[in-house]
């Protein structure tokens, strides 16, 4: 792979690279910062690095080769500012808890933030403990620990999260906040006993980097048609906008981007009701509800007394919340929320099944969105090829002349996965007069589906995916993984 990379002379996109733990250990932090060198990957007797342009970088490389006995390969990257930022991110300041189990935990959290992980899994196994991290929706092994190290770290985590350190036979849940990479990081903590010891799973709730990425709706990856539909729906003074999709499909990201968009004028009073509040948003009053003490429904009724213009409900879970949300929209509020359903048409069916009358659905609902997340191909190992005839038929590309699709191979810069980053696939139903008449008449799922997509030639999830494949945004394998390709796709 080393020689292949050098032959292609690919410009490195630091934002799409995951530096390996093993490579980082070859270069001390002081050396990396002094000479502007970021190690990326380690292959036997080769170390791949990117570096800032400065007079003494040759000295820095020579010293690394002398110290490690490795041959250093320099990868091209012209964005010097991005390299400097990446070095600071991958080499944080030393912890005050140096040498303690808590310091080891902080190091793992730092690593999770460096590679933009959403979840950390600390798994005890027969002879070793594994640290796994969920990146771009899939788990990857990051490192291994001794079982004794994991046990000490679990105890430190439980103390920090206010859990019972003596209880090892029952699951426990808590929350922990630590400072990492210059910001406060909140995490949900869940422990559970296994035959090899206690397993801990941590969900990272808030980071400034993620918050910055949600600054604009235009960054969600919607098609031009979907982007216009979303902005038009957000421009309404009242009504309901509902999102659906499985856990981890990016619904919260889409909602938060909308709230950021709506808060820009500074003329709206915006309230959100969430369980939990995942990312703090400036200019928005966010309310954390505890389902055991305060339900979404009770919190929603209370917020209506605070003169809101826009209300975001984390999830409509029951008939009462659905009823209050719909009636809130009819009294002059714009309501955004999520509802579990398999597709956009299923959202309408689900509302009706919750007991909301067809009249209330049609008079309040403005836009229904279904979404999934697919991985973006790694730009460093992606190639274009002509699809097979069966692929052309499957993705309905018969009218495209000589289509080309991206194929990934995996490389050292993406951890051999072939992917780096994610983007959304969307399908949307605008509830206009024609759709309202159809819903009021008691039309079934297939009739609504035909009206929304076949007759109006709108993009389903699968069609949106097929277009994004041709644009090089994702791959055939990813679209197959998250959508149902069939007669109605």
Protein backbone atom coordinates (compact mmCIF):
# COMPACT_ATOMS: atom_id res chain seq x y z
CA UNK A 1 0.00 0.00 0.00
CA UNK A 2 2.91 2.38 0.73
CA UNK A 3 4.26 2.18 -2.82
CA UNK A 4 0.73 2.40 -4.26
CA UNK A 5 0.08 5.63 -2.38
CA UNK A 6 3.36 7.18 -3.54
CA UNK A 7 2.70 6.20 -7.15
CA UNK A 8 -0.71 7.90 -7.16
CA UNK A 9 0.64 11.11 -5.51
CA UNK A 10 -2.74 11.78 -3.90
CA UNK A 11 -3.23 15.12 -2.13
CA UNK A 12 -4.09 14.22 1.47
CA UNK A 13 -7.33 15.58 2.93
CA UNK A 14 -6.51 15.72 6.64
CA UNK A 15 -10.19 16.08 7.58
CA UNK A 16 -10.88 12.65 6.04
CA UNK A 17 -7.93 10.83 7.66
CA UNK A 18 -7.81 8.73 10.82
CA UNK A 19 -4.27 8.62 12.21
CA UNK A 20 -3.55 5.20 13.68
CA UNK A 21 -2.82 4.79 17.37
CA UNK A 22 0.34 2.79 16.59
CA UNK A 23 1.72 5.50 14.27
CA UNK A 24 1.15 8.27 16.81
CA UNK A 25 3.14 6.34 19.41
CA UNK A 26 6.21 6.39 17.16
CA UNK A 27 6.57 10.18 17.37
CA UNK A 28 6.59 11.99 20.74
CA UNK A 29 4.24 14.95 21.12
CA UNK A 30 7.07 17.47 21.61
CA UNK A 31 8.78 16.31 18.41
CA UNK A 32 5.53 16.38 16.38
CA UNK A 33 4.71 19.91 17.52
CA UNK A 34 8.24 21.26 17.12
CA UNK A 35 8.72 20.03 13.57
CA UNK A 36 5.08 20.11 12.42
CA UNK A 37 4.95 16.37 11.70
CA UNK A 38 1.81 14.26 12.01
CA UNK A 39 2.28 10.47 11.77
CA UNK A 40 -0.62 8.82 9.96
CA UNK A 41 0.07 5.10 9.48
CA UNK A 42 2.67 2.50 10.40
CA UNK A 43 3.38 -0.44 8.06
CA UNK A 44 6.15 -2.73 9.28
CA UNK A 45 9.33 -0.77 8.56
CA UNK A 46 7.55 2.28 7.04
CA UNK A 47 5.98 5.26 8.78
CA UNK A 48 3.70 7.56 6.76
CA UNK A 49 3.55 11.20 7.83
CA UNK A 50 2.27 14.56 6.66
CA UNK A 51 4.18 17.69 7.62
CA UNK A 52 4.10 21.46 7.58
CA UNK A 53 6.42 23.28 5.19
CA UNK A 54 9.31 24.68 7.18
CA UNK A 55 13.09 24.78 6.97
CA UNK A 56 13.84 22.19 9.64
CA UNK A 57 11.36 19.45 8.70
CA UNK A 58 14.13 17.39 7.11
CA UNK A 59 15.92 17.40 10.48
CA UNK A 60 12.71 16.23 12.16
CA UNK A 61 12.28 13.35 9.71
CA UNK A 62 15.93 12.32 10.04
CA UNK A 63 15.57 12.22 13.83
CA UNK A 64 12.46 10.06 13.61
CA UNK A 65 14.24 7.59 11.32
CA UNK A 66 17.25 7.46 13.64
CA UNK A 67 15.10 7.02 16.74
CA UNK A 68 12.69 4.39 15.38
CA UNK A 69 14.69 2.68 12.63
CA UNK A 70 11.72 3.21 10.32
CA UNK A 71 11.76 4.61 6.80
CA UNK A 72 9.61 7.76 6.79
CA UNK A 73 7.35 8.41 3.78
CA UNK A 74 6.02 11.94 3.42
CA UNK A 75 2.47 12.25 2.03
CA UNK A 76 1.54 15.48 0.19
CA UNK A 77 -0.79 17.95 1.91
CA UNK A 78 -0.87 21.66 1.09
CA UNK A 79 -3.25 22.74 3.90
CA UNK A 80 -0.68 23.73 6.51
CA UNK A 81 -3.28 25.15 8.90
CA UNK A 82 -5.21 21.88 8.89
CA UNK A 83 -2.02 19.93 9.66
CA UNK A 84 -1.25 22.17 12.64
CA UNK A 85 -4.80 21.79 13.96
CA UNK A 86 -4.65 18.02 13.51
CA UNK A 87 -1.35 17.84 15.43
CA UNK A 88 -2.94 19.76 18.33
CA UNK A 89 -5.95 17.44 18.21
CA UNK A 90 -3.95 14.22 18.15
CA UNK A 91 -1.42 15.39 20.75
CA UNK A 92 -3.42 17.00 23.57
CA UNK A 93 -1.79 18.43 26.68
CA UNK A 94 -0.74 15.99 29.38
CA UNK A 95 -3.44 15.04 31.90
CA UNK A 96 -3.23 16.18 35.52
CA UNK A 97 -4.14 12.60 36.43
CA UNK A 98 -1.00 11.20 34.74
CA UNK A 99 -0.33 7.57 35.62
CA UNK A 100 -3.80 6.87 37.03
CA UNK A 101 -6.68 4.79 35.61
CA UNK A 102 -8.59 8.06 35.09
CA UNK A 103 -5.71 9.36 32.92
CA UNK A 104 -5.99 6.22 30.77
CA UNK A 105 -9.71 6.84 30.41
CA UNK A 106 -9.10 10.47 29.43
CA UNK A 107 -6.62 9.26 26.83
CA UNK A 108 -9.25 6.94 25.33
CA UNK A 109 -11.83 9.76 25.28
CA UNK A 110 -9.27 12.01 23.55
CA UNK A 111 -8.75 9.30 20.97
CA UNK A 112 -12.51 8.99 20.41
CA UNK A 113 -12.76 12.72 19.79
CA UNK A 114 -9.74 12.66 17.46
CA UNK A 115 -11.34 10.09 15.18
CA UNK A 116 -14.89 11.53 15.59
CA UNK A 117 -16.31 8.49 17.33
CA UNK A 118 -19.89 8.57 18.64
CA UNK A 119 -19.58 5.65 21.08
CA UNK A 120 -16.82 3.98 23.09
CA UNK A 121 -17.10 0.29 23.98
CA UNK A 122 -14.86 -1.15 26.71
CA UNK A 123 -15.25 -4.91 26.29
CA UNK A 124 -13.71 -7.54 28.58
CA UNK A 125 -12.84 -10.76 26.75
CA UNK A 126 -11.16 -14.05 27.66
CA UNK A 127 -7.56 -12.86 28.01
CA UNK A 128 -7.59 -9.20 26.97
CA UNK A 129 -9.91 -6.20 27.00
CA UNK A 130 -10.81 -4.48 23.74
CA UNK A 131 -11.44 -0.77 23.21
CA UNK A 132 -13.83 -0.40 20.28
CA UNK A 133 -15.11 2.85 18.83
CA UNK A 134 -18.07 3.52 16.58
CA UNK A 135 -16.94 5.66 13.66
CA UNK A 136 -19.27 6.51 10.77
CA UNK A 137 -21.86 4.16 12.23
CA UNK A 138 -19.67 1.03 12.39
CA UNK A 139 -17.49 -0.36 15.19
CA UNK A 140 -13.73 -0.64 14.82
CA UNK A 141 -11.11 -2.04 17.21
CA UNK A 142 -8.83 0.76 18.38
CA UNK A 143 -6.58 -0.97 20.92
CA UNK A 144 -6.30 -3.74 23.50
CA UNK A 145 -5.74 -3.54 27.27
CA UNK A 146 -4.97 -5.96 30.05
CA UNK A 147 -8.08 -7.08 31.93
CA UNK A 148 -6.62 -5.59 35.13
CA UNK A 149 -6.24 -2.20 33.42
CA UNK A 150 -9.85 -2.30 32.29
CA UNK A 151 -11.11 -3.23 35.78
CA UNK A 152 -9.23 -0.27 37.31
CA UNK A 153 -10.51 2.07 34.62
CA UNK A 154 -14.12 0.88 35.04
CA UNK A 155 -13.89 1.67 38.75
CA UNK A 156 -12.59 5.17 38.00
CA UNK A 157 -15.40 5.74 35.46
CA UNK A 158 -18.06 4.58 37.93
CA UNK A 159 -16.75 6.94 40.60
CA UNK A 160 -16.74 9.86 38.17
CA UNK A 161 -20.29 9.00 37.01
CA UNK A 162 -21.63 8.65 40.56
CA UNK A 163 -22.37 4.93 40.19
CA UNK A 164 -22.10 2.25 42.88
CA UNK A 165 -18.52 1.01 42.64
CA UNK A 166 -19.30 -2.10 44.73
CA UNK A 167 -22.19 -3.21 42.50
CA UNK A 168 -20.78 -5.44 39.75
CA UNK A 169 -23.69 -7.82 39.16
CA UNK A 170 -26.38 -5.42 37.97
CA UNK A 171 -26.51 -2.91 35.10
CA UNK A 172 -26.08 0.76 35.98
CA UNK A 173 -26.60 3.99 34.05
CA UNK A 174 -25.20 7.44 34.63
CA UNK A 175 -23.62 10.49 33.05
CA UNK A 176 -20.12 11.90 33.20
CA UNK A 177 -18.58 15.20 32.13
CA UNK A 178 -14.84 15.59 31.64
CA UNK A 179 -12.61 18.20 30.06
CA UNK A 180 -10.92 16.98 26.91
CA UNK A 181 -9.13 18.83 24.11
CA UNK A 182 -10.05 22.14 25.72
CA UNK A 183 -13.80 21.58 26.03
CA UNK A 184 -16.32 19.91 28.33
CA UNK A 185 -17.44 16.54 27.02
CA UNK A 186 -20.67 14.96 28.29
CA UNK A 187 -21.17 11.23 28.00
CA UNK A 188 -23.88 8.75 28.88
CA UNK A 189 -22.40 5.81 30.80
CA UNK A 190 -23.92 2.31 30.83
CA UNK A 191 -22.37 -0.69 32.60
CA UNK A 192 -23.47 -4.32 32.38
CA UNK A 193 -21.95 -7.51 33.82
CA UNK A 194 -20.61 -10.15 31.41
CA UNK A 195 -18.96 -13.54 32.01
CA UNK A 196 -15.55 -11.87 31.63
CA UNK A 197 -16.23 -8.79 33.75
CA UNK A 198 -18.05 -5.48 33.49
CA UNK A 199 -18.61 -3.98 30.04
CA UNK A 200 -18.92 -0.21 29.74
CA UNK A 201 -20.47 1.70 26.85
CA UNK A 202 -20.13 5.47 26.61
CA UNK A 203 -22.18 7.67 24.25
CA UNK A 204 -20.48 10.99 23.53
CA UNK A 205 -23.21 13.62 23.67
CA UNK A 206 -21.64 16.97 22.85
CA UNK A 207 -18.52 18.33 21.22
CA UNK A 208 -17.82 21.76 19.80
CA UNK A 209 -16.54 20.21 16.56
CA UNK A 210 -19.85 18.44 15.96
CA UNK A 211 -21.77 21.57 16.92
CA UNK A 212 -19.88 23.64 14.36
CA UNK A 213 -20.71 21.12 11.62
CA UNK A 214 -24.42 21.68 12.27
CA UNK A 215 -24.24 25.39 11.57
CA UNK A 216 -26.06 25.30 8.24
CA UNK A 217 -28.83 23.23 6.63
CA UNK A 218 -26.88 23.35 3.37
CA UNK A 219 -24.25 21.07 4.92
CA UNK A 220 -26.64 18.13 5.37
CA UNK A 221 -26.12 16.82 1.84
CA UNK A 222 -29.72 17.22 0.63
CA UNK A 223 -30.47 17.30 -3.09
CA UNK A 224 -31.48 20.75 -4.42
CA UNK A 225 -35.16 19.69 -4.50
CA UNK A 226 -35.07 18.38 -0.91
CA UNK A 227 -33.16 21.45 0.28
CA UNK A 228 -35.85 23.75 -1.16
CA UNK A 229 -38.65 21.67 0.37
CA UNK A 230 -37.02 21.76 3.81
CA UNK A 231 -36.43 25.53 3.75
CA UNK A 232 -39.98 26.17 2.49
CA UNK A 233 -41.41 24.09 5.35
CA UNK A 234 -39.22 25.88 7.91
CA UNK A 235 -40.50 29.22 6.60
CA UNK A 236 -44.05 28.37 7.79
CA UNK A 237 -45.26 30.25 10.86
CA UNK A 238 -47.14 27.17 12.08
CA UNK A 239 -47.51 23.48 11.32
CA UNK A 240 -45.75 20.19 12.02
CA UNK A 241 -42.54 18.89 10.42
CA UNK A 242 -41.85 15.23 11.23
CA UNK A 243 -38.69 13.17 10.70
CA UNK A 244 -38.42 9.40 10.75
CA UNK A 245 -35.59 6.93 10.63
CA UNK A 246 -33.94 4.25 12.78
CA UNK A 247 -31.63 5.05 15.69
CA UNK A 248 -28.41 6.58 14.41
CA UNK A 249 -29.86 7.82 11.12
CA UNK A 250 -29.02 11.48 11.75
CA UNK A 251 -32.48 12.78 12.72
CA UNK A 252 -31.11 14.92 15.55
CA UNK A 253 -28.50 16.43 13.24
CA UNK A 254 -31.22 17.41 10.74
CA UNK A 255 -33.37 18.91 13.50
CA UNK A 256 -30.48 20.83 15.08
CA UNK A 257 -29.48 22.25 11.71
CA UNK A 258 -33.06 23.49 11.32
CA UNK A 259 -33.01 25.10 14.77
CA UNK A 260 -29.73 26.84 13.95
CA UNK A 261 -31.29 28.11 10.72
CA UNK A 262 -34.44 29.34 12.48
CA UNK A 263 -32.52 31.06 15.29
CA UNK A 264 -30.38 33.21 12.98
CA UNK A 265 -32.81 36.15 12.68
CA UNK A 266 -33.05 36.30 16.48
CA UNK A 267 -36.75 37.14 16.29
CA UNK A 268 -38.17 33.73 17.29
CA UNK A 269 -38.59 32.25 20.75
CA UNK A 270 -37.44 28.65 20.31
CA UNK A 271 -37.87 25.89 22.91
CA UNK A 272 -36.66 22.30 22.63
CA UNK A 273 -37.74 19.33 24.74
CA UNK A 274 -35.12 16.57 24.65
CA UNK A 275 -34.12 13.36 26.41
CA UNK A 276 -31.25 14.05 26.72
CA UNK A 277 -30.02 17.41 25.40
CA UNK A 278 -27.31 16.17 23.04
CA UNK A 279 -25.66 19.40 21.88
CA UNK A 280 -26.00 22.87 23.49
CA UNK A 281 -27.31 25.41 21.00
CA UNK A 282 -26.91 29.13 21.53
CA UNK A 283 -30.07 31.27 21.46
CA UNK A 284 -32.37 28.28 22.09
CA UNK A 285 -33.94 27.28 25.42
CA UNK A 286 -33.28 23.55 25.69
CA UNK A 287 -35.19 21.50 28.25
CA UNK A 288 -33.95 18.13 29.46
CA UNK A 289 -36.77 15.75 30.35
CA UNK A 290 -36.41 12.66 32.49
CA UNK A 291 -38.99 10.15 31.26
CA UNK A 292 -39.29 8.64 34.74
CA UNK A 293 -40.34 11.96 36.32
CA UNK A 294 -41.35 14.38 33.56
CA UNK A 295 -42.85 13.07 30.33
CA UNK A 296 -42.55 14.74 26.94
CA UNK A 297 -46.27 15.40 27.12
CA UNK A 298 -46.10 17.19 30.50
CA UNK A 299 -43.07 19.23 29.43
CA UNK A 300 -44.78 20.17 26.16
CA UNK A 301 -47.91 21.41 27.95
CA UNK A 302 -45.72 23.52 30.22
CA UNK A 303 -43.71 25.09 27.39
CA UNK A 304 -46.92 26.33 25.75
CA UNK A 305 -47.28 28.76 28.69
CA UNK A 306 -43.93 30.36 27.81
CA UNK A 307 -45.00 32.02 24.54
CA UNK A 308 -42.89 29.94 22.11
CA UNK A 309 -42.85 30.52 18.36
CA UNK A 310 -41.06 27.25 17.55
CA UNK A 311 -41.05 24.01 19.54
CA UNK A 312 -38.77 21.05 18.94
CA UNK A 313 -39.83 17.75 20.55
CA UNK A 314 -37.10 15.11 20.63
CA UNK A 315 -39.56 12.30 19.91
CA UNK A 316 -43.30 11.75 19.77
CA UNK A 317 -43.66 8.55 21.78
CA UNK A 318 -47.33 8.33 22.70
CA UNK A 319 -50.83 9.40 21.70
CA UNK A 320 -50.97 12.25 24.23
CA UNK A 321 -47.78 13.89 22.97
CA UNK A 322 -48.93 13.48 19.36
CA UNK A 323 -52.26 15.11 20.17
CA UNK A 324 -50.71 18.09 21.98
CA UNK A 325 -48.07 18.55 19.25
CA UNK A 326 -50.67 18.63 16.49
CA UNK A 327 -52.97 21.00 18.40
CA UNK A 328 -49.99 23.25 19.19
CA UNK A 329 -49.37 23.60 15.47
CA UNK A 330 -52.99 24.61 14.96
CA UNK A 331 -52.65 27.40 17.53
CA UNK A 332 -49.83 29.19 15.74
CA UNK A 333 -46.67 27.24 16.59
CA UNK A 334 -44.13 25.59 14.29
CA UNK A 335 -43.46 22.13 15.73
CA UNK A 336 -40.52 19.91 14.74
CA UNK A 337 -40.21 16.35 15.98
CA UNK A 338 -39.34 12.73 15.18
CA UNK A 339 -41.56 9.68 14.96
CA UNK A 340 -40.53 6.07 14.46
CA UNK A 341 -41.63 4.70 11.08
CA UNK A 342 -40.04 2.71 8.24
CA UNK A 343 -40.50 5.40 5.60
CA UNK A 344 -42.05 8.82 5.06
CA UNK A 345 -45.49 7.44 4.20
CA UNK A 346 -45.34 5.35 7.36
CA UNK A 347 -45.17 8.56 9.43
CA UNK A 348 -48.67 9.50 8.29
CA UNK A 349 -49.94 6.00 9.08
CA UNK A 350 -48.24 6.07 12.49
CA UNK A 351 -49.88 9.40 13.39
CA UNK A 352 -53.28 7.99 12.49
CA UNK A 353 -52.58 4.84 14.53
CA UNK A 354 -51.75 7.04 17.54
CA UNK A 355 -55.30 8.31 17.40
CA UNK A 356 -54.79 11.65 15.66
CA UNK A 357 -57.81 12.24 13.42
CA UNK A 358 -57.28 12.55 9.64
CA UNK A 359 -58.65 16.11 9.86
CA UNK A 360 -56.01 17.13 12.42
CA UNK A 361 -53.24 15.40 10.45
CA UNK A 362 -54.11 17.13 7.19
CA UNK A 363 -54.61 20.56 8.76
CA UNK A 364 -51.37 20.55 10.74
CA UNK A 365 -48.80 18.43 8.88
CA UNK A 366 -46.53 20.39 6.52
CA UNK A 367 -43.61 18.08 5.67
CA UNK A 368 -42.64 14.47 6.36
CA UNK A 369 -39.02 13.35 6.04
CA UNK A 370 -37.45 9.88 6.13
CA UNK A 371 -33.68 9.65 6.25
CA UNK A 372 -30.72 7.29 6.51
CA UNK A 373 -26.97 7.80 6.79
CA UNK A 374 -24.49 6.34 4.31
CA UNK A 375 -20.71 6.47 4.45
CA UNK A 376 -18.70 8.63 2.08
CA UNK A 377 -15.92 6.91 0.09
CA UNK A 378 -12.38 7.62 1.22
CA UNK A 379 -10.96 10.10 -1.34
CA UNK A 380 -7.51 8.52 -1.05
CA UNK A 381 -8.45 5.01 -2.21
CA UNK A 382 -11.59 5.62 -4.27
CA UNK A 383 -11.61 4.72 -7.95
CA UNK A 384 -14.26 5.04 -10.66
CA UNK A 385 -15.51 2.11 -12.72
CA UNK A 386 -18.38 1.19 -15.02
CA UNK A 387 -21.20 -0.65 -13.21
CA UNK A 388 -22.40 -4.09 -14.27
CA UNK A 389 -25.62 -4.44 -16.26
CA UNK A 390 -27.34 -5.86 -13.18
CA UNK A 391 -26.29 -2.76 -11.20
CA UNK A 392 -27.65 -0.46 -13.92
CA UNK A 393 -30.98 -2.26 -13.80
CA UNK A 394 -31.07 -2.32 -10.00
CA UNK A 395 -30.40 1.41 -9.62
CA UNK A 396 -32.48 2.45 -12.66
CA UNK A 397 -29.58 4.00 -14.60
CA UNK A 398 -30.80 2.83 -18.03
CA UNK A 399 -31.19 6.42 -19.25
CA UNK A 400 -27.69 7.44 -18.11
CA UNK A 401 -25.06 7.28 -20.83
CA UNK A 402 -21.90 5.44 -19.74
CA UNK A 403 -22.46 5.77 -15.98
CA UNK A 404 -19.46 5.60 -13.62
CA UNK A 405 -19.59 4.62 -9.95
CA UNK A 406 -17.07 4.89 -7.11
CA UNK A 407 -15.37 1.76 -5.79
CA UNK A 408 -13.32 1.71 -2.58
CA UNK A 409 -10.43 -0.57 -1.67
CA UNK A 410 -9.37 0.55 1.80
CA UNK A 411 -6.05 2.19 2.64
CA UNK A 412 -3.94 3.23 5.60
CA UNK A 413 -5.54 6.68 5.66
CA UNK A 414 -9.08 5.38 6.32
CA UNK A 415 -8.15 2.45 8.55
CA UNK A 416 -8.63 0.01 5.63
CA UNK A 417 -12.40 0.62 5.71
CA UNK A 418 -12.62 2.45 2.37
CA UNK A 419 -14.81 5.15 3.89
CA UNK A 420 -14.44 8.48 5.71
CA UNK A 421 -17.39 10.53 6.93
CA UNK A 422 -21.14 10.19 6.32
CA UNK A 423 -23.91 11.94 4.42
CA UNK A 424 -27.70 11.73 4.55
CA UNK A 425 -30.15 10.10 2.15
CA UNK A 426 -33.61 11.68 2.22
CA UNK A 427 -37.13 11.28 0.98
CA UNK A 428 -39.75 13.96 1.62
CA UNK A 429 -43.51 14.30 1.30
CA UNK A 430 -44.91 17.81 1.08
CA UNK A 431 -48.44 17.75 2.53
CA UNK A 432 -50.22 20.01 0.05
CA UNK A 433 -53.85 20.13 -1.04
CA UNK A 434 -53.66 16.95 -3.15
CA UNK A 435 -51.98 14.99 -0.36
CA UNK A 436 -54.47 16.31 2.22
CA UNK A 437 -57.40 15.12 0.10
CA UNK A 438 -55.80 11.69 -0.25
CA UNK A 439 -55.21 11.31 3.50
CA UNK A 440 -58.73 12.55 4.35
CA UNK A 441 -60.23 9.99 1.98
CA UNK A 442 -58.62 7.15 3.92
CA UNK A 443 -56.08 6.19 1.24
CA UNK A 444 -53.81 3.28 2.12
CA UNK A 445 -49.99 3.23 2.24
CA UNK A 446 -49.50 2.24 -1.41
CA UNK A 447 -51.89 4.90 -2.71
CA UNK A 448 -50.11 7.65 -0.79
CA UNK A 449 -46.76 6.26 -1.93
CA UNK A 450 -47.85 6.36 -5.57
CA UNK A 451 -49.13 9.93 -5.27
CA UNK A 452 -46.07 11.19 -3.39
CA UNK A 453 -43.32 9.62 -5.51
CA UNK A 454 -44.46 7.98 -8.76
CA UNK A 455 -46.89 10.65 -9.92
CA UNK A 456 -44.77 13.59 -8.75
CA UNK A 457 -41.43 12.00 -9.68
CA UNK A 458 -39.92 12.81 -6.28
CA UNK A 459 -36.84 11.08 -4.88
CA UNK A 460 -37.28 8.10 -2.61
CA UNK A 461 -34.43 7.07 -0.32
CA UNK A 462 -33.23 4.60 -2.95
CA UNK A 463 -33.41 7.12 -5.81
CA UNK A 464 -31.63 9.74 -3.74
CA UNK A 465 -28.96 7.14 -3.06
CA UNK A 466 -28.70 6.22 -6.76
CA UNK A 467 -28.08 9.88 -7.65
CA UNK A 468 -25.50 10.29 -4.91
CA UNK A 469 -23.63 7.22 -6.15
CA UNK A 470 -23.20 8.81 -9.59
CA UNK A 471 -22.02 12.01 -7.88
CA UNK A 472 -19.32 10.04 -6.01
CA UNK A 473 -20.89 10.90 -2.66
CA UNK A 474 -21.40 7.26 -1.62
CA UNK A 475 -21.20 3.71 -3.03
CA UNK A 476 -23.61 1.07 -4.28
CA UNK A 477 -22.84 -1.11 -1.25
CA UNK A 478 -23.79 1.66 1.17
CA UNK A 479 -27.10 2.43 -0.54
CA UNK A 480 -27.97 -1.27 -0.59
CA UNK A 481 -27.11 -1.49 3.11
CA UNK A 482 -29.56 1.17 4.28
CA UNK A 483 -32.39 1.14 1.71
CA UNK A 484 -34.86 -1.33 0.28
CA UNK A 485 -34.39 -1.52 -3.47
CA UNK A 486 -37.47 -2.91 -5.13
CA UNK A 487 -40.41 -2.16 -7.36
CA UNK A 488 -41.35 1.02 -5.50
CA UNK A 489 -37.82 2.37 -5.15
